[in-house]
Each structure stands twice: as structure tokens, then as C-alpha cells.
Amino acid sequence: VARRLYIMGRNSILDLNAAISDKDSARRNHI
């Protein structure tokens, strides 16, 4: 969602980076 919103210009790069970091952290925590 954050990537789509950024492409549409409705989200900042900081929000996108935070979403990427949370995604990777959640995957590591799951494993």
C-alpha cells in the first residue's frame, strides 16, 4: 500500500522506507 501511494504521489519517501523496514523486520521475526 505504501509503495502504491508513493507512486501515486500521496506518500512520502520516509513513510515508504518505514514500511520496507517494518516488512523486513516482521519477516525476520516470523522466522
PDB file of all heavy atoms in Angstrom:
ATOM      1  N   VAL A   1       0.840  -1.201   0.000  1.00  0.00           N
ATOM      2  CA  VAL A   1       0.000   0.000   0.000  1.00  0.00           C
ATOM      3  C   VAL A   1       0.872   1.246   0.000  1.00  0.00           C
ATOM      4  O   VAL A   1       0.619   2.212  -0.757  1.00  0.00           O
ATOM      5  CB  VAL A   1      -0.944  -0.008   1.219  1.00  0.00           C
ATOM      6  CG1 VAL A   1      -1.659   1.337   1.361  1.00  0.00           C
ATOM      7  CG2 VAL A   1      -1.955  -1.130   1.097  1.00  0.00           C
ATOM      8  N   ALA A   2       1.926   1.245   0.859  1.00  0.00           N
ATOM      9  CA  ALA A   2       2.803   2.415   0.926  1.00  0.00           C
ATOM     10  C   ALA A   2       3.521   2.651  -0.395  1.00  0.00           C
ATOM     11  O   ALA A   2       3.701   3.799  -0.820  1.00  0.00           O
ATOM     12  CB  ALA A   2       3.823   2.225   2.053  1.00  0.00           C
ATOM     13  N   ARG A   3       3.917   1.590  -1.071  1.00  0.00           N
ATOM     14  CA  ARG A   3       4.601   1.738  -2.357  1.00  0.00           C
ATOM     15  C   ARG A   3       3.642   2.297  -3.414  1.00  0.00           C
ATOM     16  O   ARG A   3       4.012   3.168  -4.216  1.00  0.00           O
ATOM     17  CB  ARG A   3       5.148   0.379  -2.793  1.00  0.00           C
ATOM     18  CG  ARG A   3       6.019   0.425  -4.056  1.00  0.00           C
ATOM     19  CD  ARG A   3       6.640  -0.950  -4.302  1.00  0.00           C
ATOM     20  NE  ARG A   3       7.565  -0.913  -5.425  1.00  0.00           N
ATOM     21  CZ  ARG A   3       7.217  -1.041  -6.701  1.00  0.00           C
ATOM     22  NH1 ARG A   3       5.937  -1.225  -7.013  1.00  0.00           N
ATOM     23  NH2 ARG A   3       8.121  -0.981  -7.663  1.00  0.00           N
ATOM     24  N   ARG A   4       2.395   1.793  -3.393  1.00  0.00           N
ATOM     25  CA  ARG A   4       1.411   2.281  -4.370  1.00  0.00           C
ATOM     26  C   ARG A   4       1.093   3.758  -4.129  1.00  0.00           C
ATOM     27  O   ARG A   4       1.008   4.557  -5.073  1.00  0.00           O
ATOM     28  CB  ARG A   4       0.145   1.429  -4.286  1.00  0.00           C
ATOM     29  CG  ARG A   4      -0.903   1.810  -5.349  1.00  0.00           C
ATOM     30  CD  ARG A   4      -2.050   0.817  -5.387  1.00  0.00           C
ATOM     31  NE  ARG A   4      -2.824   0.818  -4.165  1.00  0.00           N
ATOM     32  CZ  ARG A   4      -2.817  -0.157  -3.271  1.00  0.00           C
ATOM     33  NH1 ARG A   4      -2.066  -1.224  -3.467  1.00  0.00           N
ATOM     34  NH2 ARG A   4      -3.552  -0.075  -2.173  1.00  0.00           N
ATOM     35  N   LEU A   5       0.952   4.125  -2.841  1.00  0.00           N
ATOM     36  CA  LEU A   5       0.655   5.520  -2.516  1.00  0.00           C
ATOM     37  C   LEU A   5       1.815   6.430  -2.888  1.00  0.00           C
ATOM     38  O   LEU A   5       1.613   7.575  -3.336  1.00  0.00           O
ATOM     39  CB  LEU A   5       0.345   5.646  -1.014  1.00  0.00           C
ATOM     40  CG  LEU A   5      -0.974   5.027  -0.543  1.00  0.00           C
ATOM     41  CD1 LEU A   5      -1.102   5.136   0.974  1.00  0.00           C
ATOM     42  CD2 LEU A   5      -2.171   5.692  -1.230  1.00  0.00           C
ATOM     43  N   TYR A   6       3.058   5.917  -2.722  1.00  0.00           N
ATOM     44  CA  TYR A   6       4.209   6.747  -3.073  1.00  0.00           C
ATOM     45  C   TYR A   6       4.256   6.980  -4.584  1.00  0.00           C
ATOM     46  O   TYR A   6       4.560   8.094  -5.054  1.00  0.00           O
ATOM     47  CB  TYR A   6       5.498   6.091  -2.597  1.00  0.00           C
ATOM     48  CG  TYR A   6       6.724   6.873  -2.990  1.00  0.00           C
ATOM     49  CD1 TYR A   6       7.075   8.033  -2.294  1.00  0.00           C
ATOM     50  CD2 TYR A   6       7.488   6.494  -4.083  1.00  0.00           C
ATOM     51  CE1 TYR A   6       8.187   8.781  -2.669  1.00  0.00           C
ATOM     52  CE2 TYR A   6       8.593   7.234  -4.474  1.00  0.00           C
ATOM     53  CZ  TYR A   6       8.945   8.375  -3.754  1.00  0.00           C
ATOM     54  OH  TYR A   6      10.041   9.123  -4.148  1.00  0.00           O
ATOM     55  N   ILE A   7       3.972   5.921  -5.338  1.00  0.00           N
ATOM     56  CA  ILE A   7       3.972   6.062  -6.792  1.00  0.00           C
ATOM     57  C   ILE A   7       2.890   7.063  -7.232  1.00  0.00           C
ATOM     58  O   ILE A   7       3.089   7.847  -8.171  1.00  0.00           O
ATOM     59  CB  ILE A   7       3.755   4.694  -7.466  1.00  0.00           C
ATOM     60  CG1 ILE A   7       4.965   3.775  -7.208  1.00  0.00           C
ATOM     61  CG2 ILE A   7       3.535   4.839  -8.962  1.00  0.00           C
ATOM     62  CD1 ILE A   7       4.789   2.362  -7.716  1.00  0.00           C
ATOM     63  N   MET A   8       1.778   7.064  -6.491  1.00  0.00           N
ATOM     64  CA  MET A   8       0.690   7.987  -6.822  1.00  0.00           C
ATOM     65  C   MET A   8       0.972   9.393  -6.305  1.00  0.00           C
ATOM     66  O   MET A   8       0.177  10.318  -6.554  1.00  0.00           O
ATOM     67  CB  MET A   8      -0.628   7.472  -6.227  1.00  0.00           C
ATOM     68  CG  MET A   8      -1.088   6.138  -6.823  1.00  0.00           C
ATOM     69  SD  MET A   8      -2.469   5.414  -5.890  1.00  0.00           S
ATOM     70  CE  MET A   8      -3.703   6.707  -6.029  1.00  0.00           C
ATOM     71  N   GLY A   9       2.064   9.558  -5.548  1.00  0.00           N
ATOM     72  CA  GLY A   9       2.396  10.877  -5.034  1.00  0.00           C
ATOM     73  C   GLY A   9       1.655  11.251  -3.779  1.00  0.00           C
ATOM     74  O   GLY A   9       1.642  12.427  -3.387  1.00  0.00           O
ATOM     75  N   ARG A  10       1.060  10.295  -3.108  1.00  0.00           N
ATOM     76  CA  ARG A  10       0.271  10.574  -1.898  1.00  0.00           C
ATOM     77  C   ARG A  10       0.974  10.110  -0.631  1.00  0.00           C
ATOM     78  O   ARG A  10       0.366  10.040   0.432  1.00  0.00           O
ATOM     79  CB  ARG A  10      -1.091   9.874  -2.028  1.00  0.00           C
ATOM     80  CG  ARG A  10      -1.926  10.417  -3.190  1.00  0.00           C
ATOM     81  CD  ARG A  10      -3.112   9.526  -3.466  1.00  0.00           C
ATOM     82  NE  ARG A  10      -3.953   9.325  -2.285  1.00  0.00           N
ATOM     83  CZ  ARG A  10      -4.980   8.495  -2.240  1.00  0.00           C
ATOM     84  NH1 ARG A  10      -5.284   7.763  -3.323  1.00  0.00           N
ATOM     85  NH2 ARG A  10      -5.689   8.380  -1.139  1.00  0.00           N
ATOM     86  N   ASN A  11       2.250   9.771  -0.745  1.00  0.00           N
ATOM     87  CA  ASN A  11       3.010   9.278   0.406  1.00  0.00           C
ATOM     88  C   ASN A  11       4.443   9.765   0.282  1.00  0.00           C
ATOM     89  O   ASN A  11       4.944   9.987  -0.834  1.00  0.00           O
ATOM     90  CB  ASN A  11       2.984   7.748   0.452  1.00  0.00           C
ATOM     91  CG  ASN A  11       3.175   7.215   1.850  1.00  0.00           C
ATOM     92  OD1 ASN A  11       3.458   7.979   2.770  1.00  0.00           O
ATOM     93  ND2 ASN A  11       3.014   5.914   2.024  1.00  0.00           N
ATOM     94  N   SER A  12       5.110   9.920   1.428  1.00  0.00           N
ATOM     95  CA  SER A  12       6.480  10.419   1.411  1.00  0.00           C
ATOM     96  C   SER A  12       7.463   9.259   1.338  1.00  0.00           C
ATOM     97  O   SER A  12       7.133   8.099   1.629  1.00  0.00           O
ATOM     98  CB  SER A  12       6.761  11.267   2.655  1.00  0.00           C
ATOM     99  OG  SER A  12       6.772  10.438   3.815  1.00  0.00           O
ATOM    100  N   ILE A  13       8.701   9.584   1.003  1.00  0.00           N
ATOM    101  CA  ILE A  13       9.753   8.578   0.948  1.00  0.00           C
ATOM    102  C   ILE A  13      10.050   8.015   2.333  1.00  0.00           C
ATOM    103  O   ILE A  13      10.407   6.844   2.488  1.00  0.00           O
ATOM    104  CB  ILE A  13      11.038   9.167   0.301  1.00  0.00           C
ATOM    105  CG1 ILE A  13      12.091   8.077   0.111  1.00  0.00           C
ATOM    106  CG2 ILE A  13      11.586  10.310   1.140  1.00  0.00           C
ATOM    107  CD1 ILE A  13      11.705   7.004  -0.844  1.00  0.00           C
ATOM    108  N   LEU A  14       9.859   8.846   3.369  1.00  0.00           N
ATOM    109  CA  LEU A  14      10.086   8.370   4.738  1.00  0.00           C
ATOM    110  C   LEU A  14       9.070   7.300   5.116  1.00  0.00           C
ATOM    111  O   LEU A  14       9.403   6.300   5.758  1.00  0.00           O
ATOM    112  CB  LEU A  14      10.027   9.552   5.711  1.00  0.00           C
ATOM    113  CG  LEU A  14      11.130  10.611   5.562  1.00  0.00           C
ATOM    114  CD1 LEU A  14      10.930  11.737   6.571  1.00  0.00           C
ATOM    115  CD2 LEU A  14      12.507   9.973   5.756  1.00  0.00           C
ATOM    116  N   ASP A  15       7.833   7.516   4.735  1.00  0.00           N
ATOM    117  CA  ASP A  15       6.797   6.508   5.021  1.00  0.00           C
ATOM    118  C   ASP A  15       7.081   5.213   4.260  1.00  0.00           C
ATOM    119  O   ASP A  15       6.874   4.116   4.790  1.00  0.00           O
ATOM    120  CB  ASP A  15       5.416   7.045   4.623  1.00  0.00           C
ATOM    121  CG  ASP A  15       4.956   8.177   5.536  1.00  0.00           C
ATOM    122  OD1 ASP A  15       5.413   8.190   6.694  1.00  0.00           O
ATOM    123  OD2 ASP A  15       4.186   9.019   5.085  1.00  0.00           O
ATOM    124  N   LEU A  16       7.557   5.339   3.027  1.00  0.00           N
ATOM    125  CA  LEU A  16       7.879   4.145   2.249  1.00  0.00           C
ATOM    126  C   LEU A  16       9.037   3.379   2.874  1.00  0.00           C
ATOM    127  O   LEU A  16       8.984   2.141   2.999  1.00  0.00           O
ATOM    128  CB  LEU A  16       8.233   4.535   0.809  1.00  0.00           C
ATOM    129  CG  LEU A  16       8.669   3.379  -0.109  1.00  0.00           C
ATOM    130  CD1 LEU A  16       7.560   2.339  -0.232  1.00  0.00           C
ATOM    131  CD2 LEU A  16       9.065   3.905  -1.486  1.00  0.00           C
ATOM    132  N   ASN A  17      10.074   4.090   3.287  1.00  0.00           N
ATOM    133  CA  ASN A  17      11.224   3.425   3.927  1.00  0.00           C
ATOM    134  C   ASN A  17      10.815   2.749   5.228  1.00  0.00           C
ATOM    135  O   ASN A  17      11.289   1.655   5.561  1.00  0.00           O
ATOM    136  CB  ASN A  17      12.334   4.433   4.184  1.00  0.00           C
ATOM    137  CG  ASN A  17      13.037   4.868   2.907  1.00  0.00           C
ATOM    138  OD1 ASN A  17      12.945   4.195   1.887  1.00  0.00           O
ATOM    139  ND2 ASN A  17      13.731   6.001   2.968  1.00  0.00           N
ATOM    140  N   ALA A  18       9.949   3.396   5.982  1.00  0.00           N
ATOM    141  CA  ALA A  18       9.469   2.793   7.235  1.00  0.00           C
ATOM    142  C   ALA A  18       8.684   1.515   6.949  1.00  0.00           C
ATOM    143  O   ALA A  18       8.805   0.507   7.675  1.00  0.00           O
ATOM    144  CB  ALA A  18       8.606   3.787   7.998  1.00  0.00           C
ATOM    145  N   ALA A  19       7.873   1.522   5.890  1.00  0.00           N
ATOM    146  CA  ALA A  19       7.103   0.330   5.532  1.00  0.00           C
ATOM    147  C   ALA A  19       8.013  -0.805   5.097  1.00  0.00           C
ATOM    148  O   ALA A  19       7.779  -1.979   5.446  1.00  0.00           O
ATOM    149  CB  ALA A  19       6.115   0.671   4.422  1.00  0.00           C
ATOM    150  N   ILE A  20       9.060  -0.479   4.342  1.00  0.00           N
ATOM    151  CA  ILE A  20      10.024  -1.506   3.925  1.00  0.00           C
ATOM    152  C   ILE A  20      10.733  -2.092   5.143  1.00  0.00           C
ATOM    153  O   ILE A  20      10.908  -3.317   5.266  1.00  0.00           O
ATOM    154  CB  ILE A  20      11.042  -0.907   2.933  1.00  0.00           C
ATOM    155  CG1 ILE A  20      10.355  -0.529   1.625  1.00  0.00           C
ATOM    156  CG2 ILE A  20      12.164  -1.900   2.654  1.00  0.00           C
ATOM    157  CD1 ILE A  20      11.249   0.229   0.655  1.00  0.00           C
ATOM    158  N   SER A  21      11.160  -1.226   6.050  1.00  0.00           N
ATOM    159  CA  SER A  21      11.855  -1.693   7.265  1.00  0.00           C
ATOM    160  C   SER A  21      10.951  -2.579   8.111  1.00  0.00           C
ATOM    161  O   SER A  21      11.376  -3.628   8.610  1.00  0.00           O
ATOM    162  CB  SER A  21      12.342  -0.491   8.069  1.00  0.00           C
ATOM    163  OG  SER A  21      12.958  -0.901   9.268  1.00  0.00           O
ATOM    164  N   ASP A  22       9.687  -2.177   8.273  1.00  0.00           N
ATOM    165  CA  ASP A  22       8.745  -2.982   9.068  1.00  0.00           C
ATOM    166  C   ASP A  22       8.478  -4.327   8.400  1.00  0.00           C
ATOM    167  O   ASP A  22       8.340  -5.357   9.063  1.00  0.00           O
ATOM    168  CB  ASP A  22       7.441  -2.227   9.258  1.00  0.00           C
ATOM    169  CG  ASP A  22       7.596  -1.037  10.195  1.00  0.00           C
ATOM    170  OD1 ASP A  22       8.623  -0.981  10.909  1.00  0.00           O
ATOM    171  OD2 ASP A  22       6.710  -0.160  10.198  1.00  0.00           O
ATOM    172  N   LYS A  23       8.389  -4.330   7.059  1.00  0.00           N
ATOM    173  CA  LYS A  23       8.163  -5.580   6.321  1.00  0.00           C
ATOM    174  C   LYS A  23       9.311  -6.564   6.551  1.00  0.00           C
ATOM    175  O   LYS A  23       9.088  -7.749   6.861  1.00  0.00           O
ATOM    176  CB  LYS A  23       8.028  -5.289   4.837  1.00  0.00           C
ATOM    177  CG  LYS A  23       8.023  -6.525   3.937  1.00  0.00           C
ATOM    178  CD  LYS A  23       7.995  -6.141   2.484  1.00  0.00           C
ATOM    179  CE  LYS A  23       9.316  -5.536   2.024  1.00  0.00           C
ATOM    180  NZ  LYS A  23      10.394  -6.536   1.872  1.00  0.00           N
ATOM    181  N   ASP A  24      10.541  -6.077   6.405  1.00  0.00           N
ATOM    182  CA  ASP A  24      11.706  -6.955   6.594  1.00  0.00           C
ATOM    183  C   ASP A  24      11.822  -7.424   8.037  1.00  0.00           C
ATOM    184  O   ASP A  24      12.133  -8.585   8.309  1.00  0.00           O
ATOM    185  CB  ASP A  24      12.976  -6.219   6.176  1.00  0.00           C
ATOM    186  CG  ASP A  24      13.007  -5.922   4.679  1.00  0.00           C
ATOM    187  OD1 ASP A  24      12.179  -6.496   3.958  1.00  0.00           O
ATOM    188  OD2 ASP A  24      13.858  -5.115   4.252  1.00  0.00           O
ATOM    189  N   SER A  25      11.558  -6.520   8.974  1.00  0.00           N
ATOM    190  CA  SER A  25      11.641  -6.881  10.394  1.00  0.00           C
ATOM    191  C   SER A  25      10.595  -7.930  10.754  1.00  0.00           C
ATOM    192  O   SER A  25      10.872  -8.876  11.515  1.00  0.00           O
ATOM    193  CB  SER A  25      11.467  -5.626  11.251  1.00  0.00           C
ATOM    194  OG  SER A  25      11.496  -5.949  12.622  1.00  0.00           O
ATOM    195  N   ALA A  26       9.401  -7.792  10.218  1.00  0.00           N
ATOM    196  CA  ALA A  26       8.336  -8.758  10.504  1.00  0.00           C
ATOM    197  C   ALA A  26       8.672 -10.135   9.930  1.00  0.00           C
ATOM    198  O   ALA A  26       8.413 -11.164  10.558  1.00  0.00           O
ATOM    199  CB  ALA A  26       7.004  -8.263   9.944  1.00  0.00           C
ATOM    200  N   ARG A  27       9.275 -10.157   8.719  1.00  0.00           N
ATOM    201  CA  ARG A  27       9.654 -11.440   8.135  1.00  0.00           C
ATOM    202  C   ARG A  27      10.755 -12.109   8.967  1.00  0.00           C
ATOM    203  O   ARG A  27      10.700 -13.318   9.227  1.00  0.00           O
ATOM    204  CB  ARG A  27      10.136 -11.218   6.705  1.00  0.00           C
ATOM    205  CG  ARG A  27      10.600 -12.478   5.986  1.00  0.00           C
ATOM    206  CD  ARG A  27       9.487 -13.511   5.848  1.00  0.00           C
ATOM    207  NE  ARG A  27       8.315 -12.982   5.194  1.00  0.00           N
ATOM    208  CZ  ARG A  27       8.164 -12.916   3.867  1.00  0.00           C
ATOM    209  NH1 ARG A  27       9.113 -13.373   3.071  1.00  0.00           N
ATOM    210  NH2 ARG A  27       7.048 -12.430   3.358  1.00  0.00           N
ATOM    211  N   ARG A  28      11.733 -11.334   9.396  1.00  0.00           N
ATOM    212  CA  ARG A  28      12.807 -11.904  10.240  1.00  0.00           C
ATOM    213  C   ARG A  28      12.247 -12.420  11.563  1.00  0.00           C
ATOM    214  O   ARG A  28      12.642 -13.487  12.036  1.00  0.00           O
ATOM    215  CB  ARG A  28      13.863 -10.835  10.511  1.00  0.00           C
ATOM    216  CG  ARG A  28      14.627 -10.358   9.279  1.00  0.00           C
ATOM    217  CD  ARG A  28      15.759  -9.436   9.659  1.00  0.00           C
ATOM    218  NE  ARG A  28      16.392  -8.852   8.485  1.00  0.00           N
ATOM    219  CZ  ARG A  28      16.195  -7.606   8.058  1.00  0.00           C
ATOM    220  NH1 ARG A  28      15.400  -6.797   8.740  1.00  0.00           N
ATOM    221  NH2 ARG A  28      16.803  -7.162   6.968  1.00  0.00           N
ATOM    222  N   ASN A  29      11.335 -11.678  12.150  1.00  0.00           N
ATOM    223  CA  ASN A  29      10.759 -12.088  13.429  1.00  0.00           C
ATOM    224  C   ASN A  29       9.933 -13.356  13.278  1.00  0.00           C
ATOM    225  O   ASN A  29       9.938 -14.225  14.170  1.00  0.00           O
ATOM    226  CB  ASN A  29       9.901 -10.962  13.995  1.00  0.00           C
ATOM    227  CG  ASN A  29       9.365 -11.283  15.371  1.00  0.00           C
ATOM    228  OD1 ASN A  29      10.124 -11.560  16.293  1.00  0.00           O
ATOM    229  ND2 ASN A  29       8.051 -11.266  15.515  1.00  0.00           N
ATOM    230  N   HIS A  30       9.238 -13.489  12.160  1.00  0.00           N
ATOM    231  CA  HIS A  30       8.450 -14.700  11.908  1.00  0.00           C
ATOM    232  C   HIS A  30       9.359 -15.928  11.861  1.00  0.00           C
ATOM    233  O   HIS A  30       9.071 -16.968  12.477  1.00  0.00           O
ATOM    234  CB  HIS A  30       7.684 -14.537  10.600  1.00  0.00           C
ATOM    235  CG  HIS A  30       6.746 -15.668  10.322  1.00  0.00           C
ATOM    236  ND1 HIS A  30       6.229 -15.921   9.073  1.00  0.00           N
ATOM    237  CD2 HIS A  30       6.232 -16.646  11.129  1.00  0.00           C
ATOM    238  CE1 HIS A  30       5.437 -16.970   9.126  1.00  0.00           C
ATOM    239  NE2 HIS A  30       5.426 -17.443  10.355  1.00  0.00           N
ATOM    240  N   ILE A  31      10.462 -15.825  11.130  1.00  0.00           N
ATOM    241  CA  ILE A  31      11.403 -16.946  11.039  1.00  0.00           C
ATOM    242  C   ILE A  31      12.023 -17.231  12.408  1.00  0.00           C
ATOM    243  O   ILE A  31      12.176 -18.392  12.811  1.00  0.00           O
ATOM    244  CB  ILE A  31      12.485 -16.638   9.996  1.00  0.00           C
ATOM    245  CG1 ILE A  31      11.864 -16.557   8.599  1.00  0.00           C
ATOM    246  CG2 ILE A  31      13.583 -17.697  10.020  1.00  0.00           C
ATOM    247  CD1 ILE A  31      12.814 -16.109   7.517  1.00  0.00           C
TER     248      ILE A  31
END
